[in-house]
Amino acid sequence: MNKINYQKKLDQILEGFDGRKPTLLLHSCCAPCSSYVLEYLSQYFHITIDYYNPNIEPYDEYIKRKNEEIRFIREYPNINKLDIIDCDYDNEKFLDIAKGLEDEPERGKRCLKCYNLRMEYTAMKAKELGYDYFATTLTLSPLKDSQVLNNIGYALSKKHDISYLPSDFKKQNGYKRSIELSKEYNLYRQNFCGCKYSKKVLENTYKSID
């Protein structure tokens, strides 16, 4: 099966704006991933960050990542004001969808449900608040499949009647640029995706190396 070039699809959408700036509700998983995406997209959109990540555990880790996101958008120099929707922690919703999938490998069924949970919340919020588009920073990560994420995005777009902005932000050295921006703004970079199950995978990997 041929893979779709979602960076090219994004380029085609951006070329059609002709100077106008639509509104975008952007789901962000963390400040480092949002750094490059905001640098890239803020020239085309009026952007609000949707910080909805009920998967992140423990709560202290969630607060740490959220505060880094808030700090970054306050410090980042941008011609248009960046804003953030500070969502409830909502960890029980993630735990509910993860039931029976606790031992799934990374990028398995549990992760797919987690992507859908966070992206659907953003799609619904974008529709409710009248945004032109919704999107996610998740495609920046080299560890996440942009084909899968964009398929979810398009399905949610159809389900909730709201335009989805396709992406593969790791293209055009996006991930590399996020690392540079993280160093420039001294952003906290976590070493696991977010949930306790991904942390367990990481810890087991370290044990196997020892």
N, C-alpha and C. Protein backbone atom coordinates (compact mmCIF):
# COMPACT_ATOMS: atom_id res chain seq x y z
N MET A 1 0.84 -1.19 0.00
CA MET A 1 0.00 0.00 0.00
C MET A 1 0.88 1.25 0.00
N ASN A 2 0.64 2.16 -0.93
CA ASN A 2 1.44 3.38 -1.03
C ASN A 2 1.10 4.34 0.11
N LYS A 3 2.15 4.90 0.69
CA LYS A 3 1.95 5.88 1.76
C LYS A 3 1.62 7.24 1.16
N ILE A 4 0.74 7.95 1.83
CA ILE A 4 0.35 9.30 1.39
C ILE A 4 1.34 10.31 1.96
N ASN A 5 1.76 11.24 1.14
CA ASN A 5 2.65 12.31 1.58
C ASN A 5 1.78 13.44 2.17
N TYR A 6 1.64 13.43 3.49
CA TYR A 6 0.76 14.41 4.14
C TYR A 6 1.39 15.79 4.22
N GLN A 7 2.71 15.88 4.11
CA GLN A 7 3.33 17.19 4.04
C GLN A 7 2.92 17.89 2.74
N LYS A 8 2.87 17.13 1.67
CA LYS A 8 2.45 17.69 0.39
C LYS A 8 0.99 18.13 0.45
N LYS A 9 0.15 17.33 1.11
CA LYS A 9 -1.26 17.70 1.26
C LYS A 9 -1.39 19.00 2.06
N LEU A 10 -0.58 19.13 3.10
CA LEU A 10 -0.59 20.35 3.90
C LEU A 10 -0.15 21.54 3.06
N ASP A 11 0.91 21.36 2.29
CA ASP A 11 1.41 22.44 1.43
C ASP A 11 0.32 22.94 0.48
N GLN A 12 -0.43 22.02 -0.08
CA GLN A 12 -1.49 22.38 -1.02
C GLN A 12 -2.58 23.21 -0.35
N ILE A 13 -2.91 22.85 0.89
CA ILE A 13 -3.92 23.61 1.64
C ILE A 13 -3.42 25.02 1.94
N LEU A 14 -2.18 25.11 2.40
CA LEU A 14 -1.61 26.41 2.77
C LEU A 14 -1.50 27.34 1.56
N GLU A 15 -1.19 26.78 0.41
CA GLU A 15 -1.07 27.59 -0.81
C GLU A 15 -2.39 28.22 -1.21
N GLY A 16 -3.49 27.62 -0.78
CA GLY A 16 -4.81 28.12 -1.16
C GLY A 16 -5.34 29.25 -0.29
N PHE A 17 -4.59 29.64 0.73
CA PHE A 17 -5.09 30.67 1.65
C PHE A 17 -4.98 32.08 1.08
N ASP A 18 -4.00 32.31 0.22
CA ASP A 18 -3.84 33.63 -0.42
C ASP A 18 -3.81 34.79 0.60
N GLY A 19 -3.05 34.61 1.66
CA GLY A 19 -2.87 35.70 2.62
C GLY A 19 -3.85 35.73 3.77
N ARG A 20 -5.00 35.08 3.65
CA ARG A 20 -5.95 35.08 4.76
C ARG A 20 -5.48 34.08 5.83
N LYS A 21 -5.85 34.32 7.06
CA LYS A 21 -5.42 33.47 8.16
C LYS A 21 -6.62 32.84 8.87
N PRO A 22 -6.90 31.58 8.58
CA PRO A 22 -7.99 30.89 9.27
C PRO A 22 -7.61 30.63 10.73
N THR A 23 -8.58 30.18 11.51
CA THR A 23 -8.32 29.81 12.90
C THR A 23 -8.06 28.30 12.99
N LEU A 24 -7.16 27.94 13.88
CA LEU A 24 -6.76 26.54 14.05
C LEU A 24 -6.73 26.19 15.52
N LEU A 25 -7.43 25.11 15.89
CA LEU A 25 -7.31 24.56 17.23
C LEU A 25 -6.33 23.39 17.15
N LEU A 26 -5.20 23.56 17.77
CA LEU A 26 -4.09 22.61 17.65
C LEU A 26 -3.91 21.80 18.92
N HIS A 27 -4.19 20.50 18.84
CA HIS A 27 -3.90 19.64 19.98
C HIS A 27 -2.39 19.54 20.14
N SER A 28 -1.92 19.79 21.34
CA SER A 28 -0.48 19.68 21.62
C SER A 28 -0.25 18.66 22.71
N CYS A 29 0.72 17.78 22.47
CA CYS A 29 1.07 16.77 23.46
C CYS A 29 2.08 17.30 24.46
N CYS A 30 2.90 18.30 24.04
CA CYS A 30 3.92 18.85 24.92
C CYS A 30 4.53 20.09 24.27
N ALA A 31 5.24 20.87 25.07
CA ALA A 31 5.87 22.09 24.55
C ALA A 31 6.93 21.81 23.48
N PRO A 32 7.83 20.83 23.66
CA PRO A 32 8.83 20.58 22.63
C PRO A 32 8.23 20.26 21.26
N CYS A 33 7.19 19.44 21.22
CA CYS A 33 6.57 19.09 19.94
C CYS A 33 5.84 20.29 19.34
N SER A 34 5.23 21.11 20.20
CA SER A 34 4.50 22.26 19.69
C SER A 34 5.42 23.35 19.18
N SER A 35 6.68 23.37 19.64
CA SER A 35 7.59 24.47 19.32
C SER A 35 7.76 24.66 17.81
N TYR A 36 8.16 23.60 17.14
CA TYR A 36 8.34 23.70 15.68
C TYR A 36 7.01 23.93 14.97
N VAL A 37 5.97 23.23 15.42
CA VAL A 37 4.67 23.34 14.76
C VAL A 37 4.14 24.77 14.83
N LEU A 38 4.30 25.40 15.97
CA LEU A 38 3.87 26.80 16.11
C LEU A 38 4.73 27.73 15.27
N GLU A 39 6.02 27.49 15.24
CA GLU A 39 6.89 28.31 14.40
C GLU A 39 6.48 28.20 12.93
N TYR A 40 6.14 27.01 12.52
CA TYR A 40 5.78 26.74 11.13
C TYR A 40 4.39 27.28 10.77
N LEU A 41 3.40 26.97 11.60
CA LEU A 41 2.01 27.25 11.23
C LEU A 41 1.52 28.64 11.61
N SER A 42 2.20 29.30 12.53
CA SER A 42 1.69 30.60 12.99
C SER A 42 1.74 31.67 11.89
N GLN A 43 2.51 31.42 10.85
CA GLN A 43 2.51 32.36 9.72
C GLN A 43 1.28 32.19 8.84
N TYR A 44 0.55 31.11 9.04
CA TYR A 44 -0.63 30.82 8.21
C TYR A 44 -1.95 30.86 8.98
N PHE A 45 -1.91 30.70 10.31
CA PHE A 45 -3.13 30.56 11.11
C PHE A 45 -3.10 31.44 12.35
N HIS A 46 -4.29 31.73 12.86
CA HIS A 46 -4.48 32.20 14.22
C HIS A 46 -4.67 30.93 15.05
N ILE A 47 -3.72 30.66 15.96
CA ILE A 47 -3.68 29.34 16.61
C ILE A 47 -4.01 29.42 18.10
N THR A 48 -4.84 28.47 18.52
CA THR A 48 -5.06 28.21 19.94
C THR A 48 -4.61 26.78 20.23
N ILE A 49 -3.83 26.62 21.29
CA ILE A 49 -3.40 25.29 21.73
C ILE A 49 -4.52 24.63 22.53
N ASP A 50 -4.81 23.39 22.22
CA ASP A 50 -5.74 22.58 23.01
C ASP A 50 -4.90 21.58 23.78
N TYR A 51 -4.72 21.84 25.08
CA TYR A 51 -3.88 20.95 25.88
C TYR A 51 -4.77 19.91 26.56
N TYR A 52 -5.02 18.83 25.83
CA TYR A 52 -5.85 17.74 26.35
C TYR A 52 -5.05 16.45 26.28
N ASN A 53 -4.52 16.04 27.43
CA ASN A 53 -3.65 14.85 27.48
C ASN A 53 -3.92 14.05 28.75
N PRO A 54 -5.08 13.39 28.82
CA PRO A 54 -5.44 12.65 30.03
C PRO A 54 -4.61 11.38 30.23
N ASN A 55 -3.78 11.05 29.25
CA ASN A 55 -2.93 9.87 29.35
C ASN A 55 -1.70 10.08 30.23
N ILE A 56 -1.31 11.34 30.45
CA ILE A 56 -0.05 11.61 31.13
C ILE A 56 -0.15 11.30 32.62
N GLU A 57 0.77 10.51 33.09
CA GLU A 57 0.81 10.12 34.50
C GLU A 57 2.26 10.15 34.99
N PRO A 58 2.47 10.40 36.30
CA PRO A 58 1.49 10.79 37.30
C PRO A 58 1.05 12.24 37.13
N TYR A 59 0.21 12.70 38.04
CA TYR A 59 -0.35 14.06 37.92
C TYR A 59 0.75 15.13 37.93
N ASP A 60 1.78 14.92 38.73
CA ASP A 60 2.89 15.87 38.78
C ASP A 60 3.55 16.02 37.42
N GLU A 61 3.66 14.91 36.71
CA GLU A 61 4.25 14.95 35.36
C GLU A 61 3.34 15.73 34.40
N TYR A 62 2.04 15.50 34.54
CA TYR A 62 1.07 16.23 33.72
C TYR A 62 1.20 17.74 33.93
N ILE A 63 1.25 18.15 35.20
CA ILE A 63 1.35 19.57 35.53
C ILE A 63 2.66 20.15 35.00
N LYS A 64 3.73 19.40 35.13
CA LYS A 64 5.03 19.87 34.65
C LYS A 64 5.00 20.13 33.15
N ARG A 65 4.45 19.20 32.40
CA ARG A 65 4.39 19.35 30.93
C ARG A 65 3.44 20.48 30.53
N LYS A 66 2.32 20.58 31.23
CA LYS A 66 1.36 21.64 30.91
C LYS A 66 1.97 23.02 31.18
N ASN A 67 2.64 23.15 32.30
CA ASN A 67 3.25 24.44 32.63
C ASN A 67 4.35 24.83 31.63
N GLU A 68 5.06 23.85 31.11
CA GLU A 68 6.07 24.12 30.09
C GLU A 68 5.41 24.62 28.80
N GLU A 69 4.25 24.05 28.47
CA GLU A 69 3.51 24.51 27.30
C GLU A 69 3.07 25.96 27.47
N ILE A 70 2.52 26.27 28.63
CA ILE A 70 2.07 27.63 28.92
C ILE A 70 3.25 28.60 28.87
N ARG A 71 4.37 28.21 29.46
CA ARG A 71 5.54 29.08 29.45
C ARG A 71 6.04 29.33 28.04
N PHE A 72 6.06 28.29 27.22
CA PHE A 72 6.58 28.45 25.87
C PHE A 72 5.74 29.42 25.05
N ILE A 73 4.41 29.27 25.08
CA ILE A 73 3.60 30.14 24.23
C ILE A 73 3.62 31.59 24.73
N ARG A 74 3.93 31.77 26.03
CA ARG A 74 4.07 33.13 26.55
C ARG A 74 5.39 33.76 26.11
N GLU A 75 6.44 32.95 26.01
CA GLU A 75 7.76 33.47 25.70
C GLU A 75 8.05 33.52 24.20
N TYR A 76 7.33 32.73 23.42
CA TYR A 76 7.61 32.67 21.99
C TYR A 76 7.15 33.96 21.30
N PRO A 77 8.06 34.63 20.61
CA PRO A 77 7.68 35.88 19.93
C PRO A 77 6.90 35.59 18.66
N ASN A 78 5.66 36.03 18.61
CA ASN A 78 4.81 35.73 17.47
C ASN A 78 3.94 36.93 17.15
N ILE A 79 3.79 37.21 15.87
CA ILE A 79 3.03 38.39 15.45
C ILE A 79 1.56 38.30 15.87
N ASN A 80 1.04 37.06 15.93
CA ASN A 80 -0.33 36.84 16.40
C ASN A 80 -0.30 36.24 17.79
N LYS A 81 -1.17 36.69 18.66
CA LYS A 81 -1.22 36.17 20.02
C LYS A 81 -1.58 34.69 20.02
N LEU A 82 -0.78 33.90 20.70
CA LEU A 82 -1.08 32.49 20.88
C LEU A 82 -1.86 32.31 22.17
N ASP A 83 -2.82 31.40 22.15
CA ASP A 83 -3.64 31.18 23.34
C ASP A 83 -3.67 29.69 23.63
N ILE A 84 -4.22 29.33 24.79
CA ILE A 84 -4.29 27.92 25.18
C ILE A 84 -5.60 27.63 25.88
N ILE A 85 -6.17 26.48 25.57
CA ILE A 85 -7.32 25.97 26.31
C ILE A 85 -6.77 24.94 27.29
N ASP A 86 -6.87 25.27 28.57
CA ASP A 86 -6.34 24.42 29.63
C ASP A 86 -7.44 23.44 30.03
N CYS A 87 -7.35 22.23 29.53
CA CYS A 87 -8.41 21.24 29.75
C CYS A 87 -8.24 20.55 31.11
N ASP A 88 -9.32 19.91 31.57
CA ASP A 88 -9.26 19.13 32.80
C ASP A 88 -8.34 17.93 32.60
N TYR A 89 -7.81 17.42 33.69
CA TYR A 89 -6.88 16.28 33.63
C TYR A 89 -7.57 15.04 33.04
N ASP A 90 -8.74 14.68 33.55
CA ASP A 90 -9.57 13.65 32.89
C ASP A 90 -8.88 12.30 32.75
N ASN A 91 -8.00 11.94 33.70
CA ASN A 91 -7.23 10.69 33.60
C ASN A 91 -8.10 9.44 33.56
N GLU A 92 -9.26 9.50 34.22
CA GLU A 92 -10.15 8.33 34.26
C GLU A 92 -10.61 7.92 32.85
N LYS A 93 -10.80 8.91 31.97
CA LYS A 93 -11.21 8.58 30.60
C LYS A 93 -10.15 7.75 29.89
N PHE A 94 -8.89 8.14 30.10
CA PHE A 94 -7.82 7.36 29.48
C PHE A 94 -7.75 5.96 30.08
N LEU A 95 -7.85 5.85 31.40
CA LEU A 95 -7.78 4.54 32.05
C LEU A 95 -8.91 3.63 31.58
N ASP A 96 -10.08 4.22 31.33
CA ASP A 96 -11.22 3.44 30.84
C ASP A 96 -10.95 2.84 29.47
N ILE A 97 -10.41 3.66 28.54
CA ILE A 97 -10.17 3.13 27.19
C ILE A 97 -8.98 2.17 27.15
N ALA A 98 -8.12 2.23 28.19
CA ALA A 98 -6.93 1.37 28.22
C ALA A 98 -7.21 0.01 28.86
N LYS A 99 -8.40 -0.16 29.44
CA LYS A 99 -8.72 -1.42 30.12
C LYS A 99 -8.63 -2.59 29.15
N GLY A 100 -7.89 -3.62 29.57
CA GLY A 100 -7.70 -4.80 28.73
C GLY A 100 -6.56 -4.66 27.73
N LEU A 101 -6.01 -3.45 27.64
CA LEU A 101 -4.94 -3.19 26.67
C LEU A 101 -3.65 -2.76 27.37
N GLU A 102 -3.59 -3.00 28.66
CA GLU A 102 -2.44 -2.53 29.44
C GLU A 102 -1.12 -3.09 28.95
N ASP A 103 -1.12 -4.30 28.43
CA ASP A 103 0.13 -4.95 28.01
C ASP A 103 0.40 -4.84 26.51
N GLU A 104 -0.41 -4.03 25.83
CA GLU A 104 -0.17 -3.81 24.40
C GLU A 104 1.18 -3.11 24.20
N PRO A 105 1.86 -3.44 23.11
CA PRO A 105 3.13 -2.75 22.83
C PRO A 105 2.90 -1.30 22.43
N GLU A 106 3.94 -0.49 22.47
CA GLU A 106 3.83 0.88 22.00
C GLU A 106 3.41 0.88 20.54
N ARG A 107 2.54 1.82 20.17
CA ARG A 107 1.95 1.96 18.84
C ARG A 107 0.92 0.87 18.56
N GLY A 108 0.50 0.16 19.62
CA GLY A 108 -0.51 -0.88 19.48
C GLY A 108 -1.92 -0.33 19.67
N LYS A 109 -2.86 -1.20 20.02
CA LYS A 109 -4.27 -0.83 20.10
C LYS A 109 -4.53 0.23 21.17
N ARG A 110 -3.81 0.15 22.28
CA ARG A 110 -4.01 1.14 23.33
C ARG A 110 -3.64 2.54 22.84
N CYS A 111 -2.53 2.63 22.14
CA CYS A 111 -2.08 3.92 21.62
C CYS A 111 -3.07 4.49 20.60
N LEU A 112 -3.62 3.62 19.77
CA LEU A 112 -4.60 4.08 18.78
C LEU A 112 -5.81 4.69 19.47
N LYS A 113 -6.26 4.05 20.54
CA LYS A 113 -7.40 4.58 21.29
C LYS A 113 -7.04 5.91 21.96
N CYS A 114 -5.81 6.01 22.41
CA CYS A 114 -5.35 7.24 23.05
C CYS A 114 -5.28 8.39 22.05
N TYR A 115 -4.73 8.12 20.86
CA TYR A 115 -4.70 9.16 19.82
C TYR A 115 -6.11 9.65 19.52
N ASN A 116 -7.02 8.68 19.36
CA ASN A 116 -8.39 9.02 19.00
C ASN A 116 -9.06 9.83 20.09
N LEU A 117 -8.83 9.45 21.35
CA LEU A 117 -9.42 10.17 22.48
C LEU A 117 -9.02 11.64 22.46
N ARG A 118 -7.73 11.90 22.30
CA ARG A 118 -7.24 13.28 22.36
C ARG A 118 -7.63 14.09 21.12
N MET A 119 -7.56 13.45 19.98
CA MET A 119 -7.90 14.15 18.75
C MET A 119 -9.40 14.40 18.63
N GLU A 120 -10.21 13.46 19.12
CA GLU A 120 -11.66 13.66 19.04
C GLU A 120 -12.10 14.80 19.96
N TYR A 121 -11.50 14.88 21.13
CA TYR A 121 -11.82 16.00 22.02
C TYR A 121 -11.52 17.32 21.31
N THR A 122 -10.39 17.37 20.62
CA THR A 122 -9.99 18.60 19.92
C THR A 122 -10.95 18.91 18.77
N ALA A 123 -11.34 17.89 18.03
CA ALA A 123 -12.29 18.09 16.93
C ALA A 123 -13.62 18.62 17.44
N MET A 124 -14.11 18.05 18.52
CA MET A 124 -15.38 18.47 19.09
C MET A 124 -15.30 19.90 19.63
N LYS A 125 -14.18 20.21 20.28
CA LYS A 125 -13.99 21.55 20.83
C LYS A 125 -13.87 22.58 19.70
N ALA A 126 -13.17 22.20 18.63
CA ALA A 126 -13.03 23.10 17.47
C ALA A 126 -14.39 23.39 16.85
N LYS A 127 -15.22 22.37 16.73
CA LYS A 127 -16.56 22.53 16.18
C LYS A 127 -17.40 23.42 17.10
N GLU A 128 -17.35 23.15 18.39
CA GLU A 128 -18.13 23.89 19.38
C GLU A 128 -17.77 25.39 19.39
N LEU A 129 -16.48 25.68 19.26
CA LEU A 129 -16.01 27.07 19.38
C LEU A 129 -15.88 27.79 18.04
N GLY A 130 -16.20 27.09 16.95
CA GLY A 130 -16.23 27.74 15.65
C GLY A 130 -14.88 27.93 14.97
N TYR A 131 -13.93 27.05 15.25
CA TYR A 131 -12.64 27.13 14.56
C TYR A 131 -12.78 26.62 13.13
N ASP A 132 -11.89 27.07 12.28
CA ASP A 132 -11.91 26.63 10.88
C ASP A 132 -11.30 25.23 10.71
N TYR A 133 -10.26 24.93 11.51
CA TYR A 133 -9.55 23.65 11.40
C TYR A 133 -9.18 23.13 12.79
N PHE A 134 -8.93 21.82 12.83
CA PHE A 134 -8.26 21.23 14.00
C PHE A 134 -7.09 20.40 13.49
N ALA A 135 -6.11 20.20 14.37
CA ALA A 135 -4.91 19.43 14.00
C ALA A 135 -4.24 18.93 15.27
N THR A 136 -3.17 18.16 15.11
CA THR A 136 -2.41 17.66 16.26
C THR A 136 -0.92 17.74 15.99
N THR A 137 -0.16 17.95 17.06
CA THR A 137 1.31 17.96 16.96
C THR A 137 1.89 16.55 16.96
N LEU A 138 1.07 15.54 17.17
CA LEU A 138 1.57 14.17 17.33
C LEU A 138 2.38 13.67 16.14
N THR A 139 2.12 14.19 14.94
CA THR A 139 2.83 13.69 13.76
C THR A 139 4.28 14.15 13.72
N LEU A 140 4.69 15.00 14.66
CA LEU A 140 6.09 15.42 14.71
C LEU A 140 7.00 14.28 15.16
N SER A 141 6.50 13.43 16.02
CA SER A 141 7.33 12.39 16.63
C SER A 141 7.73 11.31 15.63
N PRO A 142 9.03 10.97 15.58
CA PRO A 142 9.48 9.88 14.72
C PRO A 142 8.94 8.52 15.17
N LEU A 143 8.42 8.46 16.39
CA LEU A 143 7.91 7.21 16.94
C LEU A 143 6.42 7.01 16.68
N LYS A 144 5.80 7.98 16.00
CA LYS A 144 4.36 7.87 15.71
C LYS A 144 4.12 7.86 14.21
N ASP A 145 3.17 7.06 13.80
CA ASP A 145 2.87 6.82 12.38
C ASP A 145 1.92 7.89 11.86
N SER A 146 2.41 8.74 10.99
CA SER A 146 1.58 9.83 10.45
C SER A 146 0.42 9.29 9.62
N GLN A 147 0.60 8.14 8.98
CA GLN A 147 -0.49 7.57 8.20
C GLN A 147 -1.67 7.24 9.11
N VAL A 148 -1.39 6.64 10.24
CA VAL A 148 -2.43 6.28 11.21
C VAL A 148 -3.09 7.53 11.78
N LEU A 149 -2.28 8.50 12.20
CA LEU A 149 -2.82 9.71 12.81
C LEU A 149 -3.69 10.50 11.85
N ASN A 150 -3.27 10.60 10.60
CA ASN A 150 -4.06 11.34 9.62
C ASN A 150 -5.34 10.62 9.26
N ASN A 151 -5.31 9.30 9.24
CA ASN A 151 -6.54 8.54 9.02
C ASN A 151 -7.55 8.83 10.13
N ILE A 152 -7.07 8.89 11.36
CA ILE A 152 -7.94 9.23 12.49
C ILE A 152 -8.49 10.64 12.32
N GLY A 153 -7.61 11.56 11.94
CA GLY A 153 -8.03 12.95 11.77
C GLY A 153 -9.13 13.11 10.73
N TYR A 154 -8.97 12.46 9.60
CA TYR A 154 -9.98 12.57 8.54
C TYR A 154 -11.31 11.92 8.96
N ALA A 155 -11.23 10.80 9.69
CA ALA A 155 -12.45 10.15 10.17
C ALA A 155 -13.20 11.05 11.15
N LEU A 156 -12.47 11.72 12.03
CA LEU A 156 -13.09 12.62 13.00
C LEU A 156 -13.64 13.86 12.31
N SER A 157 -12.96 14.31 11.26
CA SER A 157 -13.44 15.45 10.49
C SER A 157 -14.82 15.16 9.91
N LYS A 158 -14.97 13.98 9.37
CA LYS A 158 -16.25 13.57 8.78
C LYS A 158 -17.31 13.39 9.87
N LYS A 159 -16.92 12.79 10.97
CA LYS A 159 -17.85 12.50 12.06
C LYS A 159 -18.41 13.78 12.69
N HIS A 160 -17.55 14.79 12.85
CA HIS A 160 -17.95 15.99 13.58
C HIS A 160 -18.12 17.22 12.68
N ASP A 161 -17.98 17.02 11.37
CA ASP A 161 -18.21 18.10 10.41
C ASP A 161 -17.32 19.31 10.71
N ILE A 162 -16.02 19.07 10.81
CA ILE A 162 -15.04 20.12 11.06
C ILE A 162 -13.80 19.80 10.23
N SER A 163 -13.22 20.79 9.61
CA SER A 163 -12.08 20.56 8.72
C SER A 163 -10.84 20.14 9.50
N TYR A 164 -10.18 19.10 9.01
CA TYR A 164 -8.95 18.59 9.61
C TYR A 164 -7.76 19.05 8.80
N LEU A 165 -6.70 19.48 9.48
CA LEU A 165 -5.48 19.90 8.82
C LEU A 165 -4.50 18.73 8.84
N PRO A 166 -4.26 18.10 7.68
CA PRO A 166 -3.33 16.97 7.64
C PRO A 166 -1.90 17.43 7.86
N SER A 167 -1.05 16.51 8.30
CA SER A 167 0.33 16.91 8.58
C SER A 167 1.25 15.70 8.66
N ASP A 168 2.52 15.98 8.48
CA ASP A 168 3.59 15.07 8.86
C ASP A 168 4.74 15.98 9.27
N PHE A 169 4.63 16.51 10.47
CA PHE A 169 5.52 17.58 10.90
C PHE A 169 6.98 17.17 11.05
N LYS A 170 7.23 15.85 11.06
CA LYS A 170 8.62 15.42 11.13
C LYS A 170 9.36 15.68 9.81
N LYS A 171 8.59 15.88 8.74
CA LYS A 171 9.20 16.22 7.45
C LYS A 171 9.86 17.59 7.52
N GLN A 172 10.68 17.90 6.55
CA GLN A 172 11.36 19.20 6.46
C GLN A 172 12.16 19.49 7.73
N ASN A 173 12.74 18.42 8.30
CA ASN A 173 13.56 18.53 9.51
C ASN A 173 12.80 19.12 10.70
N GLY A 174 11.49 18.88 10.74
CA GLY A 174 10.67 19.42 11.82
C GLY A 174 11.08 18.92 13.19
N TYR A 175 11.37 17.61 13.29
CA TYR A 175 11.78 17.07 14.59
C TYR A 175 13.12 17.66 15.03
N LYS A 176 14.04 17.77 14.09
CA LYS A 176 15.35 18.38 14.39
C LYS A 176 15.17 19.82 14.88
N ARG A 177 14.30 20.57 14.21
CA ARG A 177 14.07 21.96 14.61
C ARG A 177 13.44 22.04 15.99
N SER A 178 12.59 21.08 16.33
CA SER A 178 11.97 21.08 17.67
C SER A 178 13.02 20.89 18.75
N ILE A 179 14.03 20.10 18.46
CA ILE A 179 15.12 19.90 19.43
C ILE A 179 15.91 21.20 19.60
N GLU A 180 16.15 21.89 18.49
CA GLU A 180 16.87 23.17 18.55
C GLU A 180 16.08 24.20 19.37
N LEU A 181 14.77 24.28 19.12
CA LEU A 181 13.93 25.23 19.86
C LEU A 181 13.83 24.86 21.34
N SER A 182 13.81 23.56 21.62
CA SER A 182 13.77 23.10 23.01
C SER A 182 15.01 23.55 23.76
N LYS A 183 16.15 23.48 23.10
CA LYS A 183 17.40 23.95 23.72
C LYS A 183 17.38 25.47 23.89
N GLU A 184 16.89 26.16 22.87
CA GLU A 184 16.85 27.63 22.92
C GLU A 184 15.97 28.13 24.06
N TYR A 185 14.83 27.46 24.29
CA TYR A 185 13.90 27.89 25.34
C TYR A 185 14.03 27.06 26.62
N ASN A 186 15.03 26.19 26.64
CA ASN A 186 15.28 25.35 27.81
C ASN A 186 14.02 24.58 28.23
N LEU A 187 13.39 23.93 27.26
CA LEU A 187 12.15 23.20 27.50
C LEU A 187 12.43 21.82 28.08
N TYR A 188 11.59 21.42 29.00
CA TYR A 188 11.65 20.08 29.57
C TYR A 188 11.25 19.06 28.50
N ARG A 189 12.13 18.10 28.24
CA ARG A 189 11.85 17.04 27.27
C ARG A 189 11.74 15.72 28.02
N GLN A 190 10.55 15.14 28.03
CA GLN A 190 10.31 13.89 28.73
C GLN A 190 10.92 12.72 27.95
N ASN A 191 11.16 11.62 28.64
CA ASN A 191 11.74 10.46 27.96
C ASN A 191 10.76 9.32 27.76
N PHE A 192 9.45 9.59 27.98
CA PHE A 192 8.43 8.60 27.66
C PHE A 192 7.19 9.33 27.18
N CYS A 193 6.34 8.65 26.43
CA CYS A 193 5.21 9.30 25.78
C CYS A 193 4.29 9.99 26.77
N GLY A 194 3.92 9.27 27.83
CA GLY A 194 3.03 9.92 28.79
C GLY A 194 2.38 8.99 29.80
N CYS A 195 1.83 7.88 29.34
CA CYS A 195 1.08 7.01 30.25
C CYS A 195 2.02 6.08 31.03
N LYS A 196 1.48 5.49 32.09
CA LYS A 196 2.30 4.61 32.94
C LYS A 196 2.71 3.34 32.20
N TYR A 197 1.94 2.99 31.17
CA TYR A 197 2.27 1.79 30.41
C TYR A 197 3.49 2.04 29.51
N SER A 198 3.55 3.22 28.91
CA SER A 198 4.71 3.54 28.07
C SER A 198 5.95 3.71 28.94
N LYS A 199 5.76 4.23 30.15
CA LYS A 199 6.88 4.37 31.07
C LYS A 199 7.42 3.00 31.47
N LYS A 200 6.52 2.05 31.66
CA LYS A 200 6.91 0.69 32.02
C LYS A 200 7.73 0.05 30.89
N VAL A 201 7.31 0.29 29.65
CA VAL A 201 8.06 -0.22 28.50
C VAL A 201 9.47 0.35 28.51
N LEU A 202 9.59 1.65 28.77
CA LEU A 202 10.89 2.31 28.81
C LEU A 202 11.76 1.72 29.92
N GLU A 203 11.18 1.53 31.10
CA GLU A 203 11.94 0.98 32.23
C GLU A 203 12.40 -0.44 31.94
N ASN A 204 11.54 -1.23 31.29
CA ASN A 204 11.93 -2.60 30.95
C ASN A 204 13.04 -2.62 29.91
N THR A 205 13.03 -1.63 29.00
CA THR A 205 14.08 -1.53 28.00
C THR A 205 15.43 -1.25 28.67
N TYR A 206 15.40 -0.33 29.65
CA TYR A 206 16.63 0.00 30.36
C TYR A 206 17.15 -1.22 31.13
N LYS A 207 16.22 -2.01 31.73
CA LYS A 207 16.63 -3.19 32.48
C LYS A 207 17.31 -4.21 31.57
N SER A 208 16.79 -4.35 30.33
CA SER A 208 17.36 -5.33 29.41
C SER A 208 18.74 -4.92 28.94
N ILE A 209 19.03 -3.61 29.01
CA ILE A 209 20.34 -3.10 28.59
C ILE A 209 21.36 -3.30 29.70
N ASP A 210 20.90 -3.18 30.97
CA ASP A 210 21.82 -3.30 32.12
C ASP A 210 22.46 -4.69 32.20
